[in-house]
Protein backbone atom coordinates (compact mmCIF):
# COMPACT_ATOMS: atom_id res chain seq x y z
CA MET A 1 34.86 46.32 6.13
CA PHE A 2 36.11 43.10 7.72
CA VAL A 3 35.93 40.06 5.44
CA SER A 4 36.86 36.55 6.55
CA ILE A 5 37.83 33.74 4.18
CA VAL A 6 38.81 30.18 5.08
CA ILE A 7 40.62 27.81 2.74
CA GLY A 8 39.46 24.24 3.28
CA GLY A 9 40.26 20.91 1.75
CA MET A 10 42.19 17.71 1.80
CA ILE A 11 45.79 17.43 2.99
CA GLY A 12 48.23 18.43 0.25
CA LEU A 13 45.83 20.06 -2.20
CA GLY A 14 47.36 23.53 -1.84
CA LYS A 15 45.54 25.50 0.85
CA THR A 16 48.62 27.55 1.73
CA SER A 17 49.40 28.27 -1.92
CA VAL A 18 45.84 29.44 -2.56
CA ALA A 19 45.92 31.58 0.59
CA ASP A 20 49.18 33.23 -0.51
CA THR A 21 47.79 33.75 -4.02
CA LEU A 22 44.71 35.50 -2.65
CA LYS A 23 46.77 37.68 -0.33
CA ALA A 24 48.99 38.79 -3.23
CA HIS A 25 45.88 39.56 -5.29
CA PHE A 26 44.23 41.64 -2.58
CA THR A 27 47.49 43.47 -1.83
CA GLN A 28 47.87 44.37 -5.49
CA LYS A 29 44.39 45.89 -5.36
CA GLY A 30 45.30 47.93 -2.29
CA ILE A 31 43.29 45.81 0.14
CA GLU A 32 45.05 45.05 3.40
CA SER A 33 45.04 41.32 4.07
CA LYS A 34 46.56 38.81 6.44
CA VAL A 35 46.97 35.03 6.21
CA PHE A 36 46.69 32.91 9.35
CA TYR A 37 48.62 29.75 8.55
CA GLU A 38 47.96 26.26 9.85
CA ALA A 39 50.37 25.28 12.63
CA VAL A 40 52.48 22.70 10.82
CA ASP A 41 56.16 23.65 10.89
CA ASP A 42 56.08 24.54 14.60
CA ASN A 43 53.89 21.59 15.57
CA PRO A 44 55.81 19.14 17.83
CA ILE A 45 53.07 16.50 17.66
CA LEU A 46 52.37 16.26 13.91
CA PRO A 47 55.56 14.37 12.93
CA LEU A 48 54.87 11.85 15.69
CA TYR A 49 51.35 11.31 14.35
CA TYR A 50 52.74 10.28 10.97
CA GLU A 51 55.91 8.47 12.04
CA LEU A 52 55.05 6.40 15.13
CA SER A 53 53.73 2.86 14.91
CA PRO A 54 50.04 2.22 15.66
CA GLU A 55 51.04 0.76 19.01
CA GLU A 56 53.07 3.85 19.93
CA LEU A 57 50.29 6.17 18.77
CA ASP A 58 47.83 4.36 20.98
CA ALA A 59 50.12 4.23 24.01
CA LYS A 60 50.95 7.93 23.86
CA ARG A 61 47.40 9.00 22.75
CA ILE A 62 49.04 11.08 20.02
CA PRO A 63 45.95 11.46 17.77
CA PHE A 64 43.91 12.94 20.64
CA LEU A 65 46.75 15.28 21.60
CA LEU A 66 47.13 16.39 17.97
CA GLN A 67 43.45 17.26 17.66
CA LEU A 68 43.61 19.26 20.89
CA PHE A 69 46.70 21.06 19.62
CA PHE A 70 45.03 22.08 16.34
CA LEU A 71 41.77 23.01 18.05
CA ASN A 72 43.55 25.29 20.50
CA LYS A 73 45.58 26.98 17.73
CA ARG A 74 42.52 27.56 15.54
CA PHE A 75 40.47 28.89 18.45
CA LYS A 76 43.18 31.50 18.96
CA THR A 77 43.23 32.23 15.23
CA VAL A 78 39.51 33.02 15.16
CA LYS A 79 39.98 35.41 18.10
CA ASP A 80 43.02 37.01 16.46
CA CYS A 81 41.09 37.57 13.23
CA VAL A 82 38.47 39.74 14.88
CA THR A 83 40.98 41.92 16.74
CA TRP A 84 41.95 43.67 13.52
CA ARG A 85 40.22 47.02 13.36
CA ASN A 86 41.33 48.21 9.93
CA PRO A 87 39.44 47.37 6.76
CA ILE A 88 41.00 43.99 6.12
CA TYR A 89 40.56 40.59 4.53
CA THR A 90 41.63 37.71 6.76
CA ILE A 91 42.46 34.36 5.18
CA GLN A 92 42.60 31.25 7.36
CA ASP A 93 44.51 28.17 6.24
CA ARG A 94 41.85 25.62 7.25
CA SER A 95 39.01 26.38 9.66
CA ILE A 96 38.13 25.39 13.20
CA TYR A 97 35.05 23.66 11.76
CA GLU A 98 37.16 21.16 9.83
CA ASP A 99 39.00 20.12 12.98
CA TRP A 100 35.88 18.26 14.07
CA TYR A 101 35.90 16.26 10.84
CA PHE A 102 39.50 15.13 11.37
CA ALA A 103 38.72 14.12 14.94
CA TYR A 104 35.68 12.19 13.67
CA VAL A 105 37.79 10.31 11.11
CA ASN A 106 40.36 9.43 13.77
CA MET A 107 37.58 8.10 15.99
CA ASN A 108 36.28 5.93 13.14
CA LEU A 109 39.80 4.59 12.62
CA GLY A 110 40.05 3.72 16.32
CA ARG A 111 42.85 6.21 16.90
CA ILE A 112 40.68 8.32 19.19
CA SER A 113 38.45 6.57 21.71
CA ASN A 114 34.74 7.27 22.04
CA LEU A 115 35.39 8.90 25.42
CA GLU A 116 38.12 11.13 23.98
CA PHE A 117 35.83 12.16 21.14
CA LYS A 118 33.06 12.98 23.62
CA ILE A 119 35.46 15.18 25.61
CA TYR A 120 36.66 16.77 22.38
CA GLU A 121 33.11 17.60 21.26
CA GLU A 122 32.28 19.11 24.66
CA LEU A 123 35.37 21.30 24.41
CA VAL A 124 34.37 22.38 20.88
CA ASP A 125 30.88 23.28 22.12
CA ASN A 126 32.34 25.40 24.93
CA MET A 127 34.65 27.17 22.49
CA MET A 128 31.80 27.88 20.10
CA GLU A 129 29.81 29.43 22.93
CA GLU A 130 32.75 31.74 23.60
CA LEU A 131 33.14 32.60 19.92
CA ALA A 132 29.44 33.42 19.70
CA GLN A 133 30.16 36.46 21.89
CA LEU A 134 32.61 37.88 19.34
CA PRO A 135 31.50 40.52 16.80
CA LYS A 136 32.05 38.03 14.01
CA LYS A 137 33.02 34.40 14.52
CA ALA A 138 31.96 32.77 11.25
CA PRO A 139 33.74 33.27 7.93
CA ASP A 140 32.07 34.94 4.97
CA LEU A 141 33.27 32.24 2.60
CA MET A 142 34.93 28.85 2.57
CA VAL A 143 37.06 28.23 -0.52
CA TYR A 144 36.96 24.43 -0.72
CA LEU A 145 39.74 22.71 -2.65
CA LYS A 146 38.34 19.52 -4.15
CA GLY A 147 40.38 16.89 -5.95
CA SER A 148 40.69 13.24 -6.85
CA PHE A 149 42.60 10.91 -4.57
CA ASP A 150 45.35 10.58 -7.19
CA THR A 151 45.79 14.36 -7.21
CA VAL A 152 45.97 14.39 -3.41
CA LEU A 153 48.74 11.78 -3.40
CA ASP A 154 50.63 13.53 -6.20
CA ARG A 155 50.54 16.88 -4.38
CA ILE A 156 51.60 15.33 -1.05
CA MET A 157 54.57 13.67 -2.72
CA ALA A 158 55.47 16.83 -4.63
CA ARG A 159 55.77 19.02 -1.54
CA GLY A 160 58.03 16.44 0.05
CA ARG A 161 57.45 16.72 3.78
CA SER A 162 59.32 13.70 5.00
CA PHE A 163 56.78 12.72 7.65
CA GLU A 164 53.92 12.77 5.12
CA ILE A 165 55.32 10.49 2.39
CA ASN A 166 55.37 7.15 4.17
CA PRO A 167 53.50 4.71 1.84
CA GLU A 168 51.73 3.23 4.87
CA LEU A 169 49.84 6.52 5.27
CA LYS A 170 47.89 5.98 2.04
CA GLU A 171 45.05 4.26 3.91
CA TYR A 172 44.77 7.18 6.34
CA TYR A 173 44.73 9.74 3.53
CA PHE A 174 42.00 7.76 1.77
CA GLU A 175 39.87 7.62 4.91
CA VAL A 176 40.07 11.40 5.27
CA TRP A 177 39.53 12.03 1.55
CA LYS A 178 36.54 9.75 0.98
CA GLY A 179 34.19 11.61 3.33
CA TYR A 180 35.46 15.17 2.94
CA ASP A 181 33.14 16.21 0.10
CA GLU A 182 30.09 14.82 1.91
CA TRP A 183 31.00 16.69 5.10
CA VAL A 184 31.45 20.01 3.29
CA MET A 185 28.34 19.69 1.13
CA ASN A 186 25.94 18.29 3.74
CA ARG A 187 27.24 19.21 7.20
CA TYR A 188 29.24 22.41 6.98
CA ASP A 189 26.88 25.38 7.41
CA ALA A 190 29.01 28.21 8.83
CA SER A 191 29.27 30.03 5.49
CA GLU A 192 28.77 29.73 1.78
CA VAL A 193 31.19 27.51 -0.11
CA LEU A 194 33.10 28.08 -3.35
CA ILE A 195 34.48 24.86 -4.84
CA ILE A 196 37.79 24.91 -6.71
CA ASP A 197 38.59 21.85 -8.83
CA MET A 198 42.24 21.14 -8.00
CA ASP A 199 42.45 18.36 -10.60
CA LYS A 200 42.41 21.21 -13.15
CA THR A 201 43.97 24.03 -11.10
CA ASP A 202 47.61 24.80 -10.30
CA VAL A 203 48.01 28.26 -8.76
CA VAL A 204 51.76 27.77 -8.27
CA ASN A 205 52.82 26.93 -11.82
CA ASN A 206 50.00 28.38 -13.91
CA GLU A 207 49.36 32.12 -13.71
CA ALA A 208 46.06 31.82 -15.60
CA ASP A 209 44.81 29.37 -12.97
CA ALA A 210 45.90 31.70 -10.17
CA GLN A 211 44.08 34.63 -11.75
CA LYS A 212 40.93 32.58 -12.29
CA VAL A 213 40.85 31.48 -8.64
CA CYS A 214 41.20 35.11 -7.53
CA ARG A 215 38.40 36.23 -9.88
CA ASP A 216 36.11 33.43 -8.74
CA VAL A 217 36.70 34.24 -5.06
CA GLU A 218 36.21 37.95 -5.61
CA ASN A 219 33.01 37.42 -7.59
CA LYS A 220 31.62 35.10 -4.93
CA LEU A 221 32.49 37.55 -2.15
CA ASN A 222 30.82 40.39 -4.04
CA GLU A 223 27.71 38.26 -4.44
CA ILE A 224 27.66 37.38 -0.73
CA LEU A 225 28.30 40.92 0.46
CA PHE A 226 25.71 42.39 -1.94
CA THR A 227 23.11 39.91 -0.71
CA SER A 228 24.01 40.70 2.89
CA ARG A 229 23.67 44.46 2.38
CA ALA A 230 20.39 44.00 0.53
CA HIS A 231 19.08 41.82 3.38
CA ILE A 232 20.10 44.36 6.00
CA GLY A 233 18.47 47.14 4.01
């Protein structure tokens, strides 16, 4: 049985840590699993996005290029996920659906022009038409990491990526954060959503928290898969 999970949520809240925690849990239970990580460390555009001045960002159209970079990588990830033929759980570190939200925020901030956003949306639509031909394009579950803005800033500072800790980025982080919950709750419809409160959860330093997240995800998956089988029957 092929099961697809995506880990969504604000920058810095711990998507990769939760993905690794789930993989370790499934492996311990004898379930083959694979994590598809977000392209951060090998991303040549991301540091520029955070470090260049607004004038340089605009001149080089870096925000638009960054969104195209992520969209392309995540499109490939979705295709890679469905090529696995063994019984497997795939875990994606952020989904292709969330890319649209980041592009939308950048448009509202004036970093992406209306024309660029229109081209971006047309490309997304074309990609979704291609994905619709795959045996399974949508995830079974989004695990959404929700947290206060203070928690977001604390986690970003704690992981210490140099290009992310510029104090001038606080406004950008707030713009992304303030609409994220609304987008997930009212606009995301590709799968069911399990919310994890990251103000009270630390899967890295608290084993009890890690175990609870794994139990909650497993219980939600069992509920979804049982409902699906009952519907098919």
